[in-house]
């Protein structure tokens, strides 16, 4: 669902395919890297504790209001993922 939407919005297949290797790829901007690191830190909160360097990198790339928006979005996506897994939802076909 999200990859199809991203492609329609102009994202490239290469960047989507390399997303899981974003740390090793030069295809992502400093702002995107900060957002991805912050996303991983919040998603894996029990393991990471939201490290200060990840927060600092995100705070450097985003205004306070933007960082609240990014953090809220991460939380919402995590909630939807937990609902989907918990209720055994299937990925859309098509």
PDB file of N, CA and C in Angstrom:
ATOM      1  N   UNK A   1       0.826  -1.184   0.000  1.00  0.00           N
ATOM      2  CA  UNK A   1       0.000   0.000   0.000  1.00  0.00           C
ATOM      3  C   UNK A   1       0.876   1.255   0.000  1.00  0.00           C
ATOM      4  N   UNK A   2       1.808   1.333   0.940  1.00  0.00           N
ATOM      5  CA  UNK A   2       2.621   2.542   1.053  1.00  0.00           C
ATOM      6  C   UNK A   2       3.620   2.665  -0.094  1.00  0.00           C
ATOM      7  N   UNK A   3       4.158   1.548  -0.537  1.00  0.00           N
ATOM      8  CA  UNK A   3       5.118   1.625  -1.641  1.00  0.00           C
ATOM      9  C   UNK A   3       4.425   2.075  -2.923  1.00  0.00           C
ATOM     10  N   UNK A   4       3.211   1.599  -3.170  1.00  0.00           N
ATOM     11  CA  UNK A   4       2.473   2.029  -4.364  1.00  0.00           C
ATOM     12  C   UNK A   4       2.181   3.528  -4.296  1.00  0.00           C
ATOM     13  N   UNK A   5       1.783   4.005  -3.117  1.00  0.00           N
ATOM     14  CA  UNK A   5       1.533   5.438  -2.937  1.00  0.00           C
ATOM     15  C   UNK A   5       2.816   6.244  -3.134  1.00  0.00           C
ATOM     16  N   UNK A   6       3.922   5.748  -2.613  1.00  0.00           N
ATOM     17  CA  UNK A   6       5.203   6.453  -2.745  1.00  0.00           C
ATOM     18  C   UNK A   6       5.623   6.538  -4.210  1.00  0.00           C
ATOM     19  N   UNK A   7       5.461   5.458  -4.941  1.00  0.00           N
ATOM     20  CA  UNK A   7       5.803   5.467  -6.361  1.00  0.00           C
ATOM     21  C   UNK A   7       4.930   6.460  -7.127  1.00  0.00           C
ATOM     22  N   UNK A   8       3.646   6.492  -6.818  1.00  0.00           N
ATOM     23  CA  UNK A   8       2.746   7.445  -7.472  1.00  0.00           C
ATOM     24  C   UNK A   8       3.131   8.880  -7.158  1.00  0.00           C
ATOM     25  N   UNK A   9       3.694   9.105  -5.968  1.00  0.00           N
ATOM     26  CA  UNK A   9       4.090  10.451  -5.552  1.00  0.00           C
ATOM     27  C   UNK A   9       5.467  10.836  -6.080  1.00  0.00           C
ATOM     28  N   UNK A  10       6.111   9.928  -6.839  1.00  0.00           N
ATOM     29  CA  UNK A  10       7.390  10.269  -7.459  1.00  0.00           C
ATOM     30  C   UNK A  10       8.620   9.637  -6.833  1.00  0.00           C
ATOM     31  N   UNK A  11       8.430   8.813  -5.819  1.00  0.00           N
ATOM     32  CA  UNK A  11       9.582   8.132  -5.221  1.00  0.00           C
ATOM     33  C   UNK A  11      10.135   7.127  -6.233  1.00  0.00           C
ATOM     34  N   UNK A  12      11.434   6.865  -6.147  1.00  0.00           N
ATOM     35  CA  UNK A  12      12.044   5.936  -7.098  1.00  0.00           C
ATOM     36  C   UNK A  12      12.047   4.517  -6.545  1.00  0.00           C
ATOM     37  N   UNK A  13      11.931   3.527  -7.437  1.00  0.00           N
ATOM     38  CA  UNK A  13      11.999   2.136  -6.990  1.00  0.00           C
ATOM     39  C   UNK A  13      13.323   1.830  -6.278  1.00  0.00           C
ATOM     40  N   UNK A  14      14.416   2.412  -6.765  1.00  0.00           N
ATOM     41  CA  UNK A  14      15.726   2.138  -6.158  1.00  0.00           C
ATOM     42  C   UNK A  14      15.759   2.568  -4.695  1.00  0.00           C
ATOM     43  N   UNK A  15      15.250   3.759  -4.396  1.00  0.00           N
ATOM     44  CA  UNK A  15      15.254   4.226  -3.009  1.00  0.00           C
ATOM     45  C   UNK A  15      14.343   3.377  -2.133  1.00  0.00           C
ATOM     46  N   UNK A  16      13.229   2.922  -2.680  1.00  0.00           N
ATOM     47  CA  UNK A  16      12.345   2.053  -1.908  1.00  0.00           C
ATOM     48  C   UNK A  16      13.012   0.709  -1.624  1.00  0.00           C
ATOM     49  N   UNK A  17      13.675   0.158  -2.628  1.00  0.00           N
ATOM     50  CA  UNK A  17      14.338  -1.139  -2.453  1.00  0.00           C
ATOM     51  C   UNK A  17      15.508  -1.065  -1.480  1.00  0.00           C
ATOM     52  N   UNK A  18      16.181   0.071  -1.416  1.00  0.00           N
ATOM     53  CA  UNK A  18      17.343   0.217  -0.536  1.00  0.00           C
ATOM     54  C   UNK A  18      16.985   0.758   0.843  1.00  0.00           C
ATOM     55  N   UNK A  19      15.727   0.961   1.106  1.00  0.00           N
ATOM     56  CA  UNK A  19      15.327   1.560   2.376  1.00  0.00           C
ATOM     57  C   UNK A  19      15.819   0.763   3.584  1.00  0.00           C
ATOM     58  N   UNK A  20      15.775  -0.552   3.492  1.00  0.00           N
ATOM     59  CA  UNK A  20      16.244  -1.358   4.626  1.00  0.00           C
ATOM     60  C   UNK A  20      17.753  -1.247   4.833  1.00  0.00           C
ATOM     61  N   UNK A  21      18.454  -0.728   3.837  1.00  0.00           N
ATOM     62  CA  UNK A  21      19.912  -0.523   3.945  1.00  0.00           C
ATOM     63  C   UNK A  21      20.248   0.965   3.906  1.00  0.00           C
ATOM     64  N   UNK A  22      19.373   1.790   4.460  1.00  0.00           N
ATOM     65  CA  UNK A  22      19.546   3.245   4.366  1.00  0.00           C
ATOM     66  C   UNK A  22      20.859   3.708   4.980  1.00  0.00           C
ATOM     67  N   UNK A  23      21.338   3.047   6.015  1.00  0.00           N
ATOM     68  CA  UNK A  23      22.599   3.466   6.646  1.00  0.00           C
ATOM     69  C   UNK A  23      23.791   3.306   5.699  1.00  0.00           C
ATOM     70  N   UNK A  24      23.722   2.326   4.829  1.00  0.00           N
ATOM     71  CA  UNK A  24      24.825   2.054   3.909  1.00  0.00           C
ATOM     72  C   UNK A  24      24.677   2.766   2.573  1.00  0.00           C
ATOM     73  N   UNK A  25      23.543   3.365   2.316  1.00  0.00           N
ATOM     74  CA  UNK A  25      23.266   3.973   1.019  1.00  0.00           C
ATOM     75  C   UNK A  25      23.496   5.480   1.044  1.00  0.00           C
ATOM     76  N   UNK A  26      23.957   5.999  -0.079  1.00  0.00           N
ATOM     77  CA  UNK A  26      24.144   7.451  -0.208  1.00  0.00           C
ATOM     78  C   UNK A  26      22.921   8.120  -0.848  1.00  0.00           C
ATOM     79  N   UNK A  27      21.843   7.373  -1.014  1.00  0.00           N
ATOM     80  CA  UNK A  27      20.657   7.895  -1.691  1.00  0.00           C
ATOM     81  C   UNK A  27      19.754   8.743  -0.798  1.00  0.00           C
ATOM     82  N   UNK A  28      20.048   8.821   0.490  1.00  0.00           N
ATOM     83  CA  UNK A  28      19.167   9.513   1.421  1.00  0.00           C
ATOM     84  C   UNK A  28      19.851  10.754   1.977  1.00  0.00           C
ATOM     85  N   UNK A  29      19.077  11.822   2.115  1.00  0.00           N
ATOM     86  CA  UNK A  29      19.605  13.091   2.603  1.00  0.00           C
ATOM     87  C   UNK A  29      19.867  13.015   4.110  1.00  0.00           C
ATOM     88  N   UNK A  30      20.564  14.011   4.621  1.00  0.00           N
ATOM     89  CA  UNK A  30      20.817  14.077   6.066  1.00  0.00           C
ATOM     90  C   UNK A  30      19.502  14.132   6.842  1.00  0.00           C
ATOM     91  N   UNK A  31      18.526  14.868   6.318  1.00  0.00           N
ATOM     92  CA  UNK A  31      17.232  14.951   6.989  1.00  0.00           C
ATOM     93  C   UNK A  31      16.517  13.602   6.973  1.00  0.00           C
ATOM     94  N   UNK A  32      16.571  12.916   5.842  1.00  0.00           N
ATOM     95  CA  UNK A  32      15.943  11.598   5.755  1.00  0.00           C
ATOM     96  C   UNK A  32      16.629  10.608   6.688  1.00  0.00           C
ATOM     97  N   UNK A  33      17.950  10.665   6.755  1.00  0.00           N
ATOM     98  CA  UNK A  33      18.699   9.781   7.647  1.00  0.00           C
ATOM     99  C   UNK A  33      18.326  10.030   9.105  1.00  0.00           C
ATOM    100  N   UNK A  34      18.204  11.295   9.469  1.00  0.00           N
ATOM    101  CA  UNK A  34      17.820  11.633  10.841  1.00  0.00           C
ATOM    102  C   UNK A  34      16.418  11.109  11.144  1.00  0.00           C
ATOM    103  N   UNK A  35      15.508  11.267  10.198  1.00  0.00           N
ATOM    104  CA  UNK A  35      14.138  10.773  10.390  1.00  0.00           C
ATOM    105  C   UNK A  35      14.114   9.250  10.492  1.00  0.00           C
ATOM    106  N   UNK A  36      14.882   8.586   9.669  1.00  0.00           N
ATOM    107  CA  UNK A  36      14.922   7.126   9.703  1.00  0.00           C
ATOM    108  C   UNK A  36      15.538   6.618  11.006  1.00  0.00           C
ATOM    109  N   UNK A  37      16.608   7.245  11.463  1.00  0.00           N
ATOM    110  CA  UNK A  37      17.230   6.842  12.728  1.00  0.00           C
ATOM    111  C   UNK A  37      16.280   7.074  13.899  1.00  0.00           C
ATOM    112  N   UNK A  38      15.596   8.213  13.900  1.00  0.00           N
ATOM    113  CA  UNK A  38      14.634   8.523  14.959  1.00  0.00           C
ATOM    114  C   UNK A  38      13.473   7.530  14.917  1.00  0.00           C
ATOM    115  N   UNK A  39      13.025   7.181  13.715  1.00  0.00           N
ATOM    116  CA  UNK A  39      11.953   6.193  13.567  1.00  0.00           C
ATOM    117  C   UNK A  39      12.367   4.856  14.154  1.00  0.00           C
ATOM    118  N   UNK A  40      13.564   4.403  13.819  1.00  0.00           N
ATOM    119  CA  UNK A  40      14.041   3.129  14.360  1.00  0.00           C
ATOM    120  C   UNK A  40      14.179   3.192  15.876  1.00  0.00           C
ATOM    121  N   UNK A  41      14.709   4.310  16.385  1.00  0.00           N
ATOM    122  CA  UNK A  41      14.890   4.450  17.833  1.00  0.00           C
ATOM    123  C   UNK A  41      13.556   4.382  18.563  1.00  0.00           C
ATOM    124  N   UNK A  42      12.533   5.052  18.028  1.00  0.00           N
ATOM    125  CA  UNK A  42      11.230   5.041  18.680  1.00  0.00           C
ATOM    126  C   UNK A  42      10.511   3.720  18.502  1.00  0.00           C
ATOM    127  N   UNK A  43      10.666   3.101  17.344  1.00  0.00           N
ATOM    128  CA  UNK A  43      10.014   1.820  17.084  1.00  0.00           C
ATOM    129  C   UNK A  43      10.590   0.729  17.983  1.00  0.00           C
ATOM    130  N   UNK A  44      11.881   0.803  18.244  1.00  0.00           N
ATOM    131  CA  UNK A  44      12.565  -0.186  19.086  1.00  0.00           C
ATOM    132  C   UNK A  44      12.860   0.390  20.468  1.00  0.00           C
ATOM    133  N   UNK A  45      11.970   1.203  20.976  1.00  0.00           N
ATOM    134  CA  UNK A  45      12.184   1.954  22.211  1.00  0.00           C
ATOM    135  C   UNK A  45      12.671   1.104  23.388  1.00  0.00           C
ATOM    136  N   UNK A  46      12.094  -0.083  23.636  1.00  0.00           N
ATOM    137  CA  UNK A  46      12.595  -0.870  24.773  1.00  0.00           C
ATOM    138  C   UNK A  46      14.083  -1.234  24.637  1.00  0.00           C
ATOM    139  N   UNK A  47      14.542  -1.436  23.409  1.00  0.00           N
ATOM    140  CA  UNK A  47      15.945  -1.784  23.197  1.00  0.00           C
ATOM    141  C   UNK A  47      16.853  -0.559  23.122  1.00  0.00           C
ATOM    142  N   UNK A  48      16.344   0.535  22.560  1.00  0.00           N
ATOM    143  CA  UNK A  48      17.220   1.687  22.300  1.00  0.00           C
ATOM    144  C   UNK A  48      17.157   2.762  23.371  1.00  0.00           C
ATOM    145  N   UNK A  49      16.005   2.933  23.982  1.00  0.00           N
ATOM    146  CA  UNK A  49      15.839   4.029  24.922  1.00  0.00           C
ATOM    147  C   UNK A  49      15.867   5.396  24.260  1.00  0.00           C
ATOM    148  N   UNK A  50      15.675   5.448  22.956  1.00  0.00           N
ATOM    149  CA  UNK A  50      15.737   6.701  22.182  1.00  0.00           C
ATOM    150  C   UNK A  50      17.037   7.441  22.481  1.00  0.00           C
ATOM    151  N   UNK A  51      18.138   6.965  21.914  1.00  0.00           N
ATOM    152  CA  UNK A  51      19.458   7.516  22.242  1.00  0.00           C
ATOM    153  C   UNK A  51      19.577   9.017  21.973  1.00  0.00           C
ATOM    154  N   UNK A  52      20.313   9.686  22.842  1.00  0.00           N
ATOM    155  CA  UNK A  52      20.534  11.122  22.691  1.00  0.00           C
ATOM    156  C   UNK A  52      21.087  11.499  21.315  1.00  0.00           C
ATOM    157  N   UNK A  53      22.048  10.747  20.757  1.00  0.00           N
ATOM    158  CA  UNK A  53      22.547  11.127  19.417  1.00  0.00           C
ATOM    159  C   UNK A  53      21.468  11.090  18.335  1.00  0.00           C
ATOM    160  N   UNK A  54      20.548  10.140  18.415  1.00  0.00           N
ATOM    161  CA  UNK A  54      19.463  10.078  17.431  1.00  0.00           C
ATOM    162  C   UNK A  54      18.523  11.263  17.602  1.00  0.00           C
ATOM    163  N   UNK A  55      18.232  11.602  18.859  1.00  0.00           N
ATOM    164  CA  UNK A  55      17.383  12.771  19.108  1.00  0.00           C
ATOM    165  C   UNK A  55      18.078  14.047  18.627  1.00  0.00           C
ATOM    166  N   UNK A  56      19.353  14.183  18.935  1.00  0.00           N
ATOM    167  CA  UNK A  56      20.098  15.385  18.537  1.00  0.00           C
ATOM    168  C   UNK A  56      20.127  15.532  17.018  1.00  0.00           C
ATOM    169  N   UNK A  57      20.340  14.427  16.314  1.00  0.00           N
ATOM    170  CA  UNK A  57      20.367  14.477  14.847  1.00  0.00           C
ATOM    171  C   UNK A  57      19.008  14.897  14.301  1.00  0.00           C
ATOM    172  N   UNK A  58      17.945  14.370  14.883  1.00  0.00           N
ATOM    173  CA  UNK A  58      16.599  14.732  14.432  1.00  0.00           C
ATOM    174  C   UNK A  58      16.301  16.192  14.766  1.00  0.00           C
ATOM    175  N   UNK A  59      16.683  16.627  15.952  1.00  0.00           N
ATOM    176  CA  UNK A  59      16.427  18.009  16.361  1.00  0.00           C
ATOM    177  C   UNK A  59      17.230  19.000  15.528  1.00  0.00           C
ATOM    178  N   UNK A  60      18.361  18.557  15.006  1.00  0.00           N
ATOM    179  CA  UNK A  60      19.172  19.419  14.137  1.00  0.00           C
ATOM    180  C   UNK A  60      18.536  19.575  12.760  1.00  0.00           C
ATOM    181  N   UNK A  61      17.832  18.558  12.300  1.00  0.00           N
ATOM    182  CA  UNK A  61      17.265  18.548  10.953  1.00  0.00           C
ATOM    183  C   UNK A  61      15.834  19.070  10.888  1.00  0.00           C
ATOM    184  N   UNK A  62      15.132  19.076  12.010  1.00  0.00           N
ATOM    185  CA  UNK A  62      13.720  19.452  12.026  1.00  0.00           C
ATOM    186  C   UNK A  62      13.478  20.538  13.062  1.00  0.00           C
ATOM    187  N   UNK A  63      12.546  21.433  12.759  1.00  0.00           N
ATOM    188  CA  UNK A  63      12.122  22.420  13.743  1.00  0.00           C
ATOM    189  C   UNK A  63      11.414  21.668  14.873  1.00  0.00           C
ATOM    190  N   UNK A  64      11.224  22.304  16.037  1.00  0.00           N
ATOM    191  CA  UNK A  64      10.491  21.623  17.104  1.00  0.00           C
ATOM    192  C   UNK A  64       9.113  21.129  16.658  1.00  0.00           C
ATOM    193  N   UNK A  65       8.382  21.941  15.913  1.00  0.00           N
ATOM    194  CA  UNK A  65       7.054  21.523  15.443  1.00  0.00           C
ATOM    195  C   UNK A  65       7.163  20.349  14.471  1.00  0.00           C
ATOM    196  N   UNK A  66       8.153  20.387  13.581  1.00  0.00           N
ATOM    197  CA  UNK A  66       8.338  19.276  12.642  1.00  0.00           C
ATOM    198  C   UNK A  66       8.716  17.999  13.380  1.00  0.00           C
ATOM    199  N   UNK A  67       9.548  18.124  14.407  1.00  0.00           N
ATOM    200  CA  UNK A  67       9.956  16.940  15.158  1.00  0.00           C
ATOM    201  C   UNK A  67       8.773  16.331  15.901  1.00  0.00           C
ATOM    202  N   UNK A  68       7.897  17.170  16.410  1.00  0.00           N
ATOM    203  CA  UNK A  68       6.665  16.658  17.021  1.00  0.00           C
ATOM    204  C   UNK A  68       5.843  15.916  15.965  1.00  0.00           C
ATOM    205  N   UNK A  69       5.733  16.477  14.769  1.00  0.00           N
ATOM    206  CA  UNK A  69       4.962  15.835  13.699  1.00  0.00           C
ATOM    207  C   UNK A  69       5.580  14.501  13.303  1.00  0.00           C
ATOM    208  N   UNK A  70       6.901  14.454  13.140  1.00  0.00           N
ATOM    209  CA  UNK A  70       7.582  13.209  12.777  1.00  0.00           C
ATOM    210  C   UNK A  70       7.374  12.166  13.880  1.00  0.00           C
ATOM    211  N   UNK A  71       7.544  12.573  15.120  1.00  0.00           N
ATOM    212  CA  UNK A  71       7.393  11.653  16.248  1.00  0.00           C
ATOM    213  C   UNK A  71       5.964  11.135  16.346  1.00  0.00           C
ATOM    214  N   UNK A  72       4.994  12.001  16.132  1.00  0.00           N
ATOM    215  CA  UNK A  72       3.593  11.590  16.150  1.00  0.00           C
ATOM    216  C   UNK A  72       3.305  10.613  15.018  1.00  0.00           C
ATOM    217  N   UNK A  73       3.843  10.893  13.848  1.00  0.00           N
ATOM    218  CA  UNK A  73       3.656   9.993  12.710  1.00  0.00           C
ATOM    219  C   UNK A  73       4.252   8.618  12.997  1.00  0.00           C
ATOM    220  N   UNK A  74       5.442   8.583  13.558  1.00  0.00           N
ATOM    221  CA  UNK A  74       6.064   7.301  13.921  1.00  0.00           C
ATOM    222  C   UNK A  74       5.160   6.543  14.893  1.00  0.00           C
ATOM    223  N   UNK A  75       4.651   7.247  15.892  1.00  0.00           N
ATOM    224  CA  UNK A  75       3.767   6.607  16.861  1.00  0.00           C
ATOM    225  C   UNK A  75       2.505   6.064  16.222  1.00  0.00           C
ATOM    226  N   UNK A  76       1.916   6.824  15.305  1.00  0.00           N
ATOM    227  CA  UNK A  76       0.691   6.370  14.641  1.00  0.00           C
ATOM    228  C   UNK A  76       0.949   5.160  13.755  1.00  0.00           C
ATOM    229  N   UNK A  77       2.038   5.190  13.015  1.00  0.00           N
ATOM    230  CA  UNK A  77       2.358   4.048  12.156  1.00  0.00           C
ATOM    231  C   UNK A  77       2.614   2.807  13.008  1.00  0.00           C
ATOM    232  N   UNK A  78       3.313   2.983  14.128  1.00  0.00           N
ATOM    233  CA  UNK A  78       3.540   1.849  15.022  1.00  0.00           C
ATOM    234  C   UNK A  78       2.219   1.317  15.577  1.00  0.00           C
ATOM    235  N   UNK A  79       1.296   2.215  15.901  1.00  0.00           N
ATOM    236  CA  UNK A  79      -0.015   1.778  16.377  1.00  0.00           C
ATOM    237  C   UNK A  79      -0.734   0.966  15.302  1.00  0.00           C
ATOM    238  N   UNK A  80      -0.760   1.472  14.067  1.00  0.00           N
ATOM    239  CA  UNK A  80      -1.422   0.744  12.977  1.00  0.00           C
ATOM    240  C   UNK A  80      -0.769  -0.618  12.758  1.00  0.00           C
ATOM    241  N   UNK A  81       0.566  -0.668  12.838  1.00  0.00           N
ATOM    242  CA  UNK A  81       1.252  -1.958  12.675  1.00  0.00           C
ATOM    243  C   UNK A  81       0.865  -2.928  13.787  1.00  0.00           C
ATOM    244  N   UNK A  82       0.774  -2.445  15.006  1.00  0.00           N
ATOM    245  CA  UNK A  82       0.395  -3.308  16.120  1.00  0.00           C
ATOM    246  C   UNK A  82      -1.051  -3.793  15.989  1.00  0.00           C
ATOM    247  N   UNK A  83      -1.926  -2.923  15.530  1.00  0.00           N
ATOM    248  CA  UNK A  83      -3.301  -3.349  15.288  1.00  0.00           C
ATOM    249  C   UNK A  83      -3.358  -4.393  14.178  1.00  0.00           C
ATOM    250  N   UNK A  84      -2.628  -4.147  13.102  1.00  0.00           N
ATOM    251  CA  UNK A  84      -2.622  -5.089  11.985  1.00  0.00           C
ATOM    252  C   UNK A  84      -2.092  -6.448  12.381  1.00  0.00           C
ATOM    253  N   UNK A  85      -0.997  -6.470  13.103  1.00  0.00           N
ATOM    254  CA  UNK A  85      -0.424  -7.741  13.553  1.00  0.00           C
ATOM    255  C   UNK A  85      -1.343  -8.400  14.581  1.00  0.00           C
ATOM    256  N   UNK A  86      -1.807  -7.608  15.533  1.00  0.00           N
ATOM    257  CA  UNK A  86      -2.645  -8.156  16.592  1.00  0.00           C
ATOM    258  C   UNK A  86      -3.935  -8.770  16.093  1.00  0.00           C
ATOM    259  N   UNK A  87      -4.516  -8.156  15.078  1.00  0.00           N
ATOM    260  CA  UNK A  87      -5.778  -8.650  14.528  1.00  0.00           C
ATOM    261  C   UNK A  87      -5.591  -9.501  13.274  1.00  0.00           C
ATOM    262  N   UNK A  88      -4.337  -9.857  12.976  1.00  0.00           N
ATOM    263  CA  UNK A  88      -4.007 -10.786  11.880  1.00  0.00           C
ATOM    264  C   UNK A  88      -4.507 -10.283  10.533  1.00  0.00           C
ATOM    265  N   UNK A  89      -4.352  -8.968  10.298  1.00  0.00           N
ATOM    266  CA  UNK A  89      -4.795  -8.410   9.018  1.00  0.00           C
ATOM    267  C   UNK A  89      -3.857  -8.824   7.903  1.00  0.00           C
ATOM    268  N   UNK A  90      -4.428  -9.046   6.738  1.00  0.00           N
ATOM    269  CA  UNK A  90      -3.661  -9.420   5.556  1.00  0.00           C
ATOM    270  C   UNK A  90      -3.234  -8.174   4.805  1.00  0.00           C
ATOM    271  N   UNK A  91      -2.086  -8.256   4.132  1.00  0.00           N
ATOM    272  CA  UNK A  91      -1.683  -7.153   3.244  1.00  0.00           C
ATOM    273  C   UNK A  91      -2.657  -7.083   2.074  1.00  0.00           C
ATOM    274  N   UNK A  92      -2.921  -5.862   1.595  1.00  0.00           N
ATOM    275  CA  UNK A  92      -3.806  -5.750   0.424  1.00  0.00           C
ATOM    276  C   UNK A  92      -3.206  -6.496  -0.774  1.00  0.00           C
ATOM    277  N   UNK A  93      -4.045  -7.100  -1.520  1.00  0.00           N
ATOM    278  CA  UNK A  93      -3.594  -7.785  -2.740  1.00  0.00           C
ATOM    279  C   UNK A  93      -3.996  -6.944  -3.932  1.00  0.00           C
ATOM    280  N   UNK A  94      -3.078  -6.873  -4.883  1.00  0.00           N
ATOM    281  CA  UNK A  94      -3.474  -6.158  -6.087  1.00  0.00           C
ATOM    282  C   UNK A  94      -2.513  -5.221  -6.630  1.00  0.00           C
TER     283      UNK A  94
END
